[in-house]
Amino acid sequence: MARLLRWQDEHRLLPMLLVFSLMLLGLCVVIAWPRGSAAAERAGSAALKTAYARAVLGATRPQLARLGFDAAWPGVHRLSGLGVQEYFMPRSSRGFDELDPAVQDCFAAPDRCNILVFPLADDHGAGGLFAAHASPRPAGRIILLLHSGRLTYKEISGA
């Protein structure tokens, strides 16, 4: 027993090394832990596409939330009026003239506009080291433009 205690006295950093190793192992487990199944995310994207077809211009934010367009959806981007301008900013005045009138209205009154961008999952998922646990790569998006709390423009891309 005295021999073991003498060894511990000679290696004082051993307990800290053990704690550090356990923390590193825990971090690796957290990183590799699945965030959500790819099938569930694809099903969520299919539900969003169905909701997109049912969304009508003039719908309010609560009506959109009942359809499934909840601003708390994972990965959704919420942009204010200036973000709307940056998102739709054309390269020329001719490009501005070709914008939808609802988008042009947001350039005139950015304080009343906001945009919700919902990512859509790819049907094939993502590859890589943790392919079984990887979330699907964004294949497209649904854009909802709200002016004074009402849907004035909607767009789906990459679906």
N, C-alpha and C. Protein backbone atom coordinates (compact mmCIF):
# COMPACT_ATOMS: atom_id res chain seq x y z
N MET A 1 0.82 -1.20 0.00
CA MET A 1 0.00 0.00 0.00
C MET A 1 0.87 1.27 0.00
N ALA A 2 1.95 1.21 0.76
CA ALA A 2 2.85 2.37 0.82
C ALA A 2 3.44 2.65 -0.55
N ARG A 3 3.68 1.58 -1.31
CA ARG A 3 4.24 1.74 -2.65
C ARG A 3 3.26 2.47 -3.57
N LEU A 4 1.94 2.16 -3.46
CA LEU A 4 0.92 2.83 -4.26
C LEU A 4 0.82 4.30 -3.90
N LEU A 5 0.86 4.62 -2.62
CA LEU A 5 0.79 6.02 -2.19
C LEU A 5 2.01 6.80 -2.67
N ARG A 6 3.18 6.15 -2.66
CA ARG A 6 4.39 6.80 -3.13
C ARG A 6 4.25 7.12 -4.63
N TRP A 7 3.69 6.19 -5.40
CA TRP A 7 3.48 6.41 -6.84
C TRP A 7 2.53 7.59 -7.07
N GLN A 8 1.45 7.68 -6.26
CA GLN A 8 0.50 8.78 -6.39
C GLN A 8 1.16 10.11 -6.06
N ASP A 9 2.03 10.12 -5.09
CA ASP A 9 2.73 11.36 -4.73
C ASP A 9 3.67 11.81 -5.85
N GLU A 10 4.22 10.85 -6.57
CA GLU A 10 5.12 11.19 -7.66
C GLU A 10 4.37 11.67 -8.91
N HIS A 11 3.10 11.33 -9.03
CA HIS A 11 2.28 11.70 -10.20
C HIS A 11 1.06 12.51 -9.74
N ARG A 12 1.29 13.72 -9.34
CA ARG A 12 0.24 14.56 -8.76
C ARG A 12 -0.79 15.04 -9.79
N LEU A 13 -0.43 15.09 -11.05
CA LEU A 13 -1.35 15.57 -12.08
C LEU A 13 -2.26 14.47 -12.60
N LEU A 14 -2.10 13.26 -12.12
CA LEU A 14 -2.89 12.15 -12.60
C LEU A 14 -4.40 12.35 -12.38
N PRO A 15 -4.86 12.81 -11.22
CA PRO A 15 -6.32 13.03 -11.06
C PRO A 15 -6.86 14.09 -12.03
N MET A 16 -6.09 15.14 -12.27
CA MET A 16 -6.55 16.16 -13.22
C MET A 16 -6.59 15.60 -14.63
N LEU A 17 -5.65 14.75 -14.99
CA LEU A 17 -5.63 14.12 -16.30
C LEU A 17 -6.85 13.22 -16.46
N LEU A 18 -7.21 12.51 -15.42
CA LEU A 18 -8.39 11.65 -15.45
C LEU A 18 -9.66 12.48 -15.64
N VAL A 19 -9.81 13.57 -14.93
CA VAL A 19 -10.98 14.44 -15.07
C VAL A 19 -11.04 15.04 -16.47
N PHE A 20 -9.91 15.51 -16.97
CA PHE A 20 -9.86 16.07 -18.32
C PHE A 20 -10.25 15.04 -19.36
N SER A 21 -9.77 13.80 -19.21
CA SER A 21 -10.11 12.74 -20.15
C SER A 21 -11.60 12.45 -20.15
N LEU A 22 -12.21 12.42 -18.99
CA LEU A 22 -13.66 12.19 -18.90
C LEU A 22 -14.45 13.33 -19.54
N MET A 23 -13.99 14.56 -19.34
CA MET A 23 -14.67 15.70 -19.96
C MET A 23 -14.55 15.64 -21.48
N LEU A 24 -13.39 15.27 -21.99
CA LEU A 24 -13.19 15.14 -23.43
C LEU A 24 -14.06 14.04 -24.01
N LEU A 25 -14.18 12.93 -23.31
CA LEU A 25 -15.05 11.85 -23.75
C LEU A 25 -16.50 12.30 -23.79
N GLY A 26 -16.93 13.04 -22.77
CA GLY A 26 -18.30 13.57 -22.75
C GLY A 26 -18.57 14.52 -23.90
N LEU A 27 -17.60 15.36 -24.23
CA LEU A 27 -17.74 16.28 -25.35
C LEU A 27 -17.88 15.53 -26.67
N CYS A 28 -17.11 14.48 -26.84
CA CYS A 28 -17.21 13.67 -28.07
C CYS A 28 -18.60 13.04 -28.19
N VAL A 29 -19.15 12.57 -27.08
CA VAL A 29 -20.49 11.97 -27.10
C VAL A 29 -21.53 13.02 -27.47
N VAL A 30 -21.43 14.21 -26.92
CA VAL A 30 -22.39 15.27 -27.23
C VAL A 30 -22.32 15.66 -28.70
N ILE A 31 -21.13 15.74 -29.26
CA ILE A 31 -20.99 16.11 -30.67
C ILE A 31 -21.56 15.04 -31.58
N ALA A 32 -21.34 13.78 -31.24
CA ALA A 32 -21.80 12.69 -32.11
C ALA A 32 -23.26 12.31 -31.88
N TRP A 33 -23.88 12.84 -30.83
CA TRP A 33 -25.26 12.48 -30.52
C TRP A 33 -26.20 12.97 -31.62
N PRO A 34 -27.13 12.14 -32.06
CA PRO A 34 -28.04 12.57 -33.14
C PRO A 34 -28.93 13.72 -32.69
N ARG A 35 -29.07 14.71 -33.54
CA ARG A 35 -29.89 15.88 -33.24
C ARG A 35 -31.36 15.65 -33.57
N GLY A 36 -31.63 14.82 -34.52
CA GLY A 36 -32.99 14.53 -34.97
C GLY A 36 -32.89 13.61 -36.17
N SER A 37 -33.89 12.84 -36.35
CA SER A 37 -33.79 11.89 -37.46
C SER A 37 -34.03 12.59 -38.79
N ALA A 38 -33.33 12.13 -39.79
CA ALA A 38 -33.48 12.70 -41.13
C ALA A 38 -34.89 12.47 -41.65
N ALA A 39 -35.46 11.32 -41.32
CA ALA A 39 -36.83 11.03 -41.78
C ALA A 39 -37.82 12.01 -41.17
N ALA A 40 -37.63 12.36 -39.91
CA ALA A 40 -38.53 13.32 -39.27
C ALA A 40 -38.40 14.70 -39.90
N GLU A 41 -37.18 15.09 -40.25
CA GLU A 41 -36.99 16.40 -40.87
C GLU A 41 -37.58 16.44 -42.27
N ARG A 42 -37.46 15.32 -43.02
CA ARG A 42 -38.07 15.27 -44.35
C ARG A 42 -39.59 15.30 -44.24
N ALA A 43 -40.13 14.63 -43.23
CA ALA A 43 -41.59 14.67 -43.02
C ALA A 43 -42.03 16.08 -42.66
N GLY A 44 -41.22 16.79 -41.85
CA GLY A 44 -41.53 18.18 -41.52
C GLY A 44 -41.50 19.06 -42.75
N SER A 45 -40.55 18.82 -43.65
CA SER A 45 -40.48 19.59 -44.89
C SER A 45 -41.69 19.31 -45.77
N ALA A 46 -42.14 18.05 -45.81
CA ALA A 46 -43.33 17.71 -46.60
C ALA A 46 -44.55 18.42 -46.03
N ALA A 47 -44.63 18.50 -44.70
CA ALA A 47 -45.75 19.21 -44.07
C ALA A 47 -45.70 20.70 -44.40
N LEU A 48 -44.50 21.26 -44.44
CA LEU A 48 -44.38 22.68 -44.80
C LEU A 48 -44.80 22.93 -46.24
N LYS A 49 -44.46 22.00 -47.15
CA LYS A 49 -44.86 22.16 -48.55
C LYS A 49 -46.38 22.11 -48.68
N THR A 50 -47.01 21.23 -47.91
CA THR A 50 -48.48 21.15 -47.92
C THR A 50 -49.08 22.43 -47.36
N ALA A 51 -48.50 22.93 -46.27
CA ALA A 51 -48.99 24.17 -45.67
C ALA A 51 -48.80 25.34 -46.61
N TYR A 52 -47.70 25.33 -47.38
CA TYR A 52 -47.44 26.40 -48.34
C TYR A 52 -48.57 26.46 -49.37
N ALA A 53 -49.01 25.30 -49.82
CA ALA A 53 -50.09 25.27 -50.81
C ALA A 53 -51.39 25.81 -50.22
N ARG A 54 -51.59 25.66 -48.93
CA ARG A 54 -52.83 26.12 -48.28
C ARG A 54 -52.76 27.56 -47.79
N ALA A 55 -51.57 28.13 -47.72
CA ALA A 55 -51.42 29.51 -47.24
C ALA A 55 -51.95 30.48 -48.29
N VAL A 56 -52.82 31.38 -47.86
CA VAL A 56 -53.40 32.36 -48.78
C VAL A 56 -52.88 33.75 -48.41
N LEU A 57 -52.75 34.59 -49.42
CA LEU A 57 -52.32 35.97 -49.17
C LEU A 57 -53.36 36.65 -48.29
N GLY A 58 -52.89 37.42 -47.35
CA GLY A 58 -53.77 38.10 -46.41
C GLY A 58 -53.90 37.36 -45.08
N ALA A 59 -53.36 36.14 -44.99
CA ALA A 59 -53.43 35.38 -43.74
C ALA A 59 -52.60 36.07 -42.67
N THR A 60 -53.06 36.00 -41.44
CA THR A 60 -52.34 36.60 -40.32
C THR A 60 -51.30 35.62 -39.78
N ARG A 61 -50.44 36.14 -38.93
CA ARG A 61 -49.40 35.30 -38.35
C ARG A 61 -49.98 34.13 -37.55
N PRO A 62 -51.04 34.33 -36.73
CA PRO A 62 -51.63 33.18 -36.03
C PRO A 62 -52.22 32.14 -36.99
N GLN A 63 -52.81 32.59 -38.09
CA GLN A 63 -53.34 31.65 -39.07
C GLN A 63 -52.21 30.85 -39.71
N LEU A 64 -51.11 31.50 -39.99
CA LEU A 64 -49.95 30.81 -40.56
C LEU A 64 -49.38 29.81 -39.56
N ALA A 65 -49.36 30.18 -38.28
CA ALA A 65 -48.86 29.27 -37.25
C ALA A 65 -49.75 28.03 -37.17
N ARG A 66 -51.05 28.18 -37.33
CA ARG A 66 -51.95 27.02 -37.31
C ARG A 66 -51.71 26.11 -38.51
N LEU A 67 -51.27 26.69 -39.62
CA LEU A 67 -50.95 25.88 -40.80
C LEU A 67 -49.63 25.12 -40.61
N GLY A 68 -48.79 25.58 -39.70
CA GLY A 68 -47.51 24.93 -39.46
C GLY A 68 -46.31 25.83 -39.63
N PHE A 69 -46.53 27.08 -39.97
CA PHE A 69 -45.43 28.03 -40.14
C PHE A 69 -45.17 28.74 -38.82
N ASP A 70 -44.58 28.01 -37.89
CA ASP A 70 -44.27 28.54 -36.58
C ASP A 70 -42.87 29.16 -36.62
N ALA A 71 -42.74 30.36 -36.10
CA ALA A 71 -41.44 31.04 -36.12
C ALA A 71 -40.41 30.33 -35.25
N ALA A 72 -40.85 29.41 -34.39
CA ALA A 72 -39.93 28.66 -33.54
C ALA A 72 -39.45 27.38 -34.21
N TRP A 73 -39.81 27.17 -35.49
CA TRP A 73 -39.39 25.98 -36.24
C TRP A 73 -37.86 25.93 -36.27
N PRO A 74 -37.26 24.74 -36.10
CA PRO A 74 -35.79 24.67 -36.11
C PRO A 74 -35.20 25.14 -37.45
N GLY A 75 -34.25 26.04 -37.36
CA GLY A 75 -33.56 26.51 -38.55
C GLY A 75 -34.24 27.66 -39.26
N VAL A 76 -35.39 28.12 -38.78
CA VAL A 76 -36.07 29.22 -39.45
C VAL A 76 -35.31 30.53 -39.22
N HIS A 77 -35.26 31.36 -40.25
CA HIS A 77 -34.62 32.67 -40.14
C HIS A 77 -35.72 33.73 -40.16
N ARG A 78 -35.66 34.63 -39.19
CA ARG A 78 -36.59 35.75 -39.12
C ARG A 78 -35.79 37.02 -39.42
N LEU A 79 -36.24 37.75 -40.43
CA LEU A 79 -35.54 38.98 -40.82
C LEU A 79 -36.47 40.16 -40.67
N SER A 80 -35.92 41.26 -40.19
CA SER A 80 -36.69 42.50 -40.06
C SER A 80 -36.78 43.19 -41.42
N GLY A 81 -37.35 44.36 -41.43
CA GLY A 81 -37.53 45.11 -42.68
C GLY A 81 -36.25 45.36 -43.43
N LEU A 82 -35.18 45.72 -42.72
CA LEU A 82 -33.90 45.95 -43.39
C LEU A 82 -33.35 44.63 -43.93
N GLY A 83 -33.58 43.54 -43.21
CA GLY A 83 -33.18 42.23 -43.70
C GLY A 83 -33.94 41.85 -44.96
N VAL A 84 -35.22 42.27 -45.02
CA VAL A 84 -36.02 42.03 -46.22
C VAL A 84 -35.39 42.76 -47.41
N GLN A 85 -35.03 44.01 -47.19
CA GLN A 85 -34.41 44.79 -48.27
C GLN A 85 -33.10 44.14 -48.71
N GLU A 86 -32.31 43.69 -47.77
CA GLU A 86 -31.04 43.06 -48.12
C GLU A 86 -31.28 41.74 -48.86
N TYR A 87 -32.28 40.99 -48.44
CA TYR A 87 -32.58 39.69 -49.04
C TYR A 87 -33.02 39.84 -50.50
N PHE A 88 -33.86 40.83 -50.77
CA PHE A 88 -34.44 40.99 -52.11
C PHE A 88 -33.75 42.06 -52.95
N MET A 89 -32.68 42.66 -52.43
CA MET A 89 -32.04 43.79 -53.11
C MET A 89 -31.63 43.42 -54.54
N PRO A 90 -32.21 44.09 -55.51
CA PRO A 90 -31.83 43.82 -56.91
C PRO A 90 -30.52 44.53 -57.24
N ARG A 91 -29.94 44.13 -58.35
CA ARG A 91 -28.67 44.72 -58.78
C ARG A 91 -28.87 45.99 -59.60
N SER A 92 -30.09 46.21 -60.07
CA SER A 92 -30.32 47.39 -60.91
C SER A 92 -31.73 47.92 -60.65
N SER A 93 -31.99 49.11 -61.17
CA SER A 93 -33.33 49.68 -61.03
C SER A 93 -34.34 48.87 -61.83
N ARG A 94 -33.90 48.29 -62.91
CA ARG A 94 -34.80 47.43 -63.70
C ARG A 94 -35.19 46.19 -62.88
N GLY A 95 -34.23 45.66 -62.14
CA GLY A 95 -34.50 44.53 -61.25
C GLY A 95 -35.51 44.90 -60.18
N PHE A 96 -35.42 46.15 -59.68
CA PHE A 96 -36.39 46.61 -58.69
C PHE A 96 -37.78 46.67 -59.30
N ASP A 97 -37.88 47.16 -60.52
CA ASP A 97 -39.18 47.24 -61.20
C ASP A 97 -39.79 45.86 -61.43
N GLU A 98 -38.95 44.83 -61.53
CA GLU A 98 -39.44 43.48 -61.75
C GLU A 98 -39.82 42.75 -60.46
N LEU A 99 -39.50 43.35 -59.31
CA LEU A 99 -39.87 42.74 -58.03
C LEU A 99 -41.39 42.74 -57.86
N ASP A 100 -41.86 41.79 -57.08
CA ASP A 100 -43.28 41.72 -56.75
C ASP A 100 -43.68 43.02 -56.05
N PRO A 101 -44.88 43.56 -56.32
CA PRO A 101 -45.31 44.80 -55.66
C PRO A 101 -45.29 44.72 -54.13
N ALA A 102 -45.56 43.56 -53.57
CA ALA A 102 -45.53 43.42 -52.11
C ALA A 102 -44.11 43.62 -51.58
N VAL A 103 -43.13 43.14 -52.30
CA VAL A 103 -41.74 43.32 -51.90
C VAL A 103 -41.36 44.79 -52.06
N GLN A 104 -41.79 45.43 -53.12
CA GLN A 104 -41.51 46.85 -53.32
C GLN A 104 -42.09 47.69 -52.18
N ASP A 105 -43.28 47.31 -51.69
CA ASP A 105 -43.89 48.03 -50.57
C ASP A 105 -43.01 47.96 -49.32
N CYS A 106 -42.32 46.85 -49.14
CA CYS A 106 -41.44 46.73 -47.97
C CYS A 106 -40.22 47.62 -48.07
N PHE A 107 -39.82 47.96 -49.28
CA PHE A 107 -38.72 48.91 -49.43
C PHE A 107 -39.18 50.30 -49.01
N ALA A 108 -40.46 50.59 -49.21
CA ALA A 108 -41.00 51.90 -48.83
C ALA A 108 -41.28 52.00 -47.33
N ALA A 109 -41.67 50.90 -46.69
CA ALA A 109 -41.99 50.91 -45.27
C ALA A 109 -41.35 49.71 -44.57
N PRO A 110 -40.03 49.73 -44.38
CA PRO A 110 -39.35 48.56 -43.81
C PRO A 110 -39.73 48.27 -42.36
N ASP A 111 -40.23 49.27 -41.64
CA ASP A 111 -40.58 49.04 -40.24
C ASP A 111 -41.83 48.18 -40.08
N ARG A 112 -42.59 47.98 -41.13
CA ARG A 112 -43.82 47.18 -41.07
C ARG A 112 -43.65 45.78 -41.66
N CYS A 113 -42.47 45.46 -42.18
CA CYS A 113 -42.27 44.19 -42.88
C CYS A 113 -41.30 43.29 -42.13
N ASN A 114 -41.53 42.02 -42.28
CA ASN A 114 -40.55 41.03 -41.86
C ASN A 114 -40.73 39.79 -42.72
N ILE A 115 -39.74 38.94 -42.67
CA ILE A 115 -39.72 37.76 -43.54
C ILE A 115 -39.38 36.54 -42.69
N LEU A 116 -40.00 35.43 -43.03
CA LEU A 116 -39.69 34.14 -42.41
C LEU A 116 -39.17 33.23 -43.51
N VAL A 117 -37.99 32.66 -43.31
CA VAL A 117 -37.39 31.75 -44.29
C VAL A 117 -37.29 30.37 -43.62
N PHE A 118 -38.04 29.41 -44.17
CA PHE A 118 -38.07 28.04 -43.65
C PHE A 118 -37.23 27.15 -44.56
N PRO A 119 -36.19 26.49 -44.03
CA PRO A 119 -35.40 25.59 -44.86
C PRO A 119 -36.17 24.29 -45.14
N LEU A 120 -36.00 23.76 -46.33
CA LEU A 120 -36.60 22.49 -46.69
C LEU A 120 -35.51 21.44 -46.78
N ALA A 121 -35.78 20.25 -46.27
CA ALA A 121 -34.79 19.18 -46.25
C ALA A 121 -34.74 18.48 -47.60
N ASP A 122 -33.56 17.99 -47.93
CA ASP A 122 -33.36 17.20 -49.14
C ASP A 122 -33.90 15.80 -48.90
N ASP A 123 -34.39 15.15 -49.92
CA ASP A 123 -34.94 13.81 -49.79
C ASP A 123 -33.86 12.75 -49.58
N HIS A 124 -32.61 13.08 -49.86
CA HIS A 124 -31.55 12.07 -49.80
C HIS A 124 -30.72 12.17 -48.54
N GLY A 125 -30.84 13.24 -47.76
CA GLY A 125 -30.04 13.38 -46.55
C GLY A 125 -28.62 13.79 -46.89
N ALA A 126 -27.78 13.84 -45.88
CA ALA A 126 -26.40 14.25 -46.07
C ALA A 126 -25.47 13.09 -45.79
N GLY A 127 -24.33 13.12 -46.41
CA GLY A 127 -23.34 12.08 -46.16
C GLY A 127 -22.35 12.56 -45.13
N GLY A 128 -21.23 11.86 -45.04
CA GLY A 128 -20.19 12.29 -44.12
C GLY A 128 -19.93 11.24 -43.06
N LEU A 129 -19.14 11.63 -42.07
CA LEU A 129 -18.70 10.72 -41.04
C LEU A 129 -19.86 10.13 -40.25
N PHE A 130 -20.81 10.96 -39.87
CA PHE A 130 -21.96 10.51 -39.10
C PHE A 130 -23.20 10.52 -39.99
N ALA A 131 -23.15 9.87 -41.13
CA ALA A 131 -24.23 9.93 -42.12
C ALA A 131 -25.55 9.47 -41.55
N ALA A 132 -25.54 8.50 -40.66
CA ALA A 132 -26.80 8.00 -40.11
C ALA A 132 -27.47 9.03 -39.21
N HIS A 133 -26.67 9.93 -38.63
CA HIS A 133 -27.21 10.92 -37.71
C HIS A 133 -27.24 12.32 -38.28
N ALA A 134 -26.74 12.51 -39.47
CA ALA A 134 -26.63 13.86 -40.05
C ALA A 134 -28.01 14.38 -40.43
N SER A 135 -28.20 15.67 -40.25
CA SER A 135 -29.46 16.26 -40.66
C SER A 135 -29.44 16.47 -42.17
N PRO A 136 -30.61 16.45 -42.80
CA PRO A 136 -30.65 16.64 -44.25
C PRO A 136 -30.11 18.01 -44.63
N ARG A 137 -29.43 18.05 -45.75
CA ARG A 137 -28.92 19.34 -46.21
C ARG A 137 -30.07 20.16 -46.79
N PRO A 138 -30.03 21.48 -46.64
CA PRO A 138 -31.12 22.29 -47.17
C PRO A 138 -31.19 22.16 -48.69
N ALA A 139 -32.36 21.79 -49.18
CA ALA A 139 -32.55 21.64 -50.62
C ALA A 139 -33.27 22.84 -51.19
N GLY A 140 -33.94 23.56 -50.37
CA GLY A 140 -34.70 24.71 -50.82
C GLY A 140 -35.20 25.48 -49.62
N ARG A 141 -36.12 26.37 -49.88
CA ARG A 141 -36.66 27.18 -48.78
C ARG A 141 -38.03 27.71 -49.14
N ILE A 142 -38.77 28.03 -48.11
CA ILE A 142 -40.06 28.69 -48.25
C ILE A 142 -39.89 30.08 -47.66
N ILE A 143 -40.28 31.08 -48.42
CA ILE A 143 -40.17 32.47 -47.98
C ILE A 143 -41.57 33.03 -47.80
N LEU A 144 -41.82 33.57 -46.62
CA LEU A 144 -43.10 34.22 -46.33
C LEU A 144 -42.81 35.67 -45.96
N LEU A 145 -43.39 36.60 -46.68
CA LEU A 145 -43.22 38.02 -46.42
C LEU A 145 -44.47 38.54 -45.74
N LEU A 146 -44.29 39.10 -44.56
CA LEU A 146 -45.42 39.64 -43.79
C LEU A 146 -45.31 41.15 -43.76
N HIS A 147 -46.40 41.80 -44.10
CA HIS A 147 -46.47 43.26 -44.05
C HIS A 147 -47.59 43.61 -43.08
N SER A 148 -47.23 44.29 -41.99
CA SER A 148 -48.19 44.63 -40.92
C SER A 148 -48.89 43.38 -40.40
N GLY A 149 -48.15 42.28 -40.28
CA GLY A 149 -48.69 41.06 -39.70
C GLY A 149 -49.50 40.19 -40.64
N ARG A 150 -49.58 40.55 -41.91
CA ARG A 150 -50.35 39.76 -42.88
C ARG A 150 -49.45 39.28 -44.01
N LEU A 151 -49.72 38.08 -44.49
CA LEU A 151 -48.95 37.50 -45.57
C LEU A 151 -49.23 38.26 -46.87
N THR A 152 -48.18 38.82 -47.46
CA THR A 152 -48.36 39.56 -48.71
C THR A 152 -47.60 38.94 -49.88
N TYR A 153 -46.67 38.02 -49.57
CA TYR A 153 -45.86 37.41 -50.62
C TYR A 153 -45.38 36.07 -50.11
N LYS A 154 -45.41 35.07 -50.98
CA LYS A 154 -44.87 33.76 -50.62
C LYS A 154 -44.13 33.19 -51.82
N GLU A 155 -43.07 32.43 -51.51
CA GLU A 155 -42.24 31.86 -52.56
C GLU A 155 -41.65 30.55 -52.04
N ILE A 156 -41.57 29.57 -52.93
CA ILE A 156 -40.92 28.31 -52.60
C ILE A 156 -39.85 28.06 -53.66
N SER A 157 -38.69 27.63 -53.21
CA SER A 157 -37.62 27.38 -54.17
C SER A 157 -36.94 26.05 -53.84
N GLY A 158 -36.50 25.38 -54.89
CA GLY A 158 -35.77 24.14 -54.73
C GLY A 158 -36.60 22.98 -54.24
N ALA A 159 -37.92 23.05 -54.38
CA ALA A 159 -38.76 21.97 -53.86
C ALA A 159 -38.96 20.90 -54.87
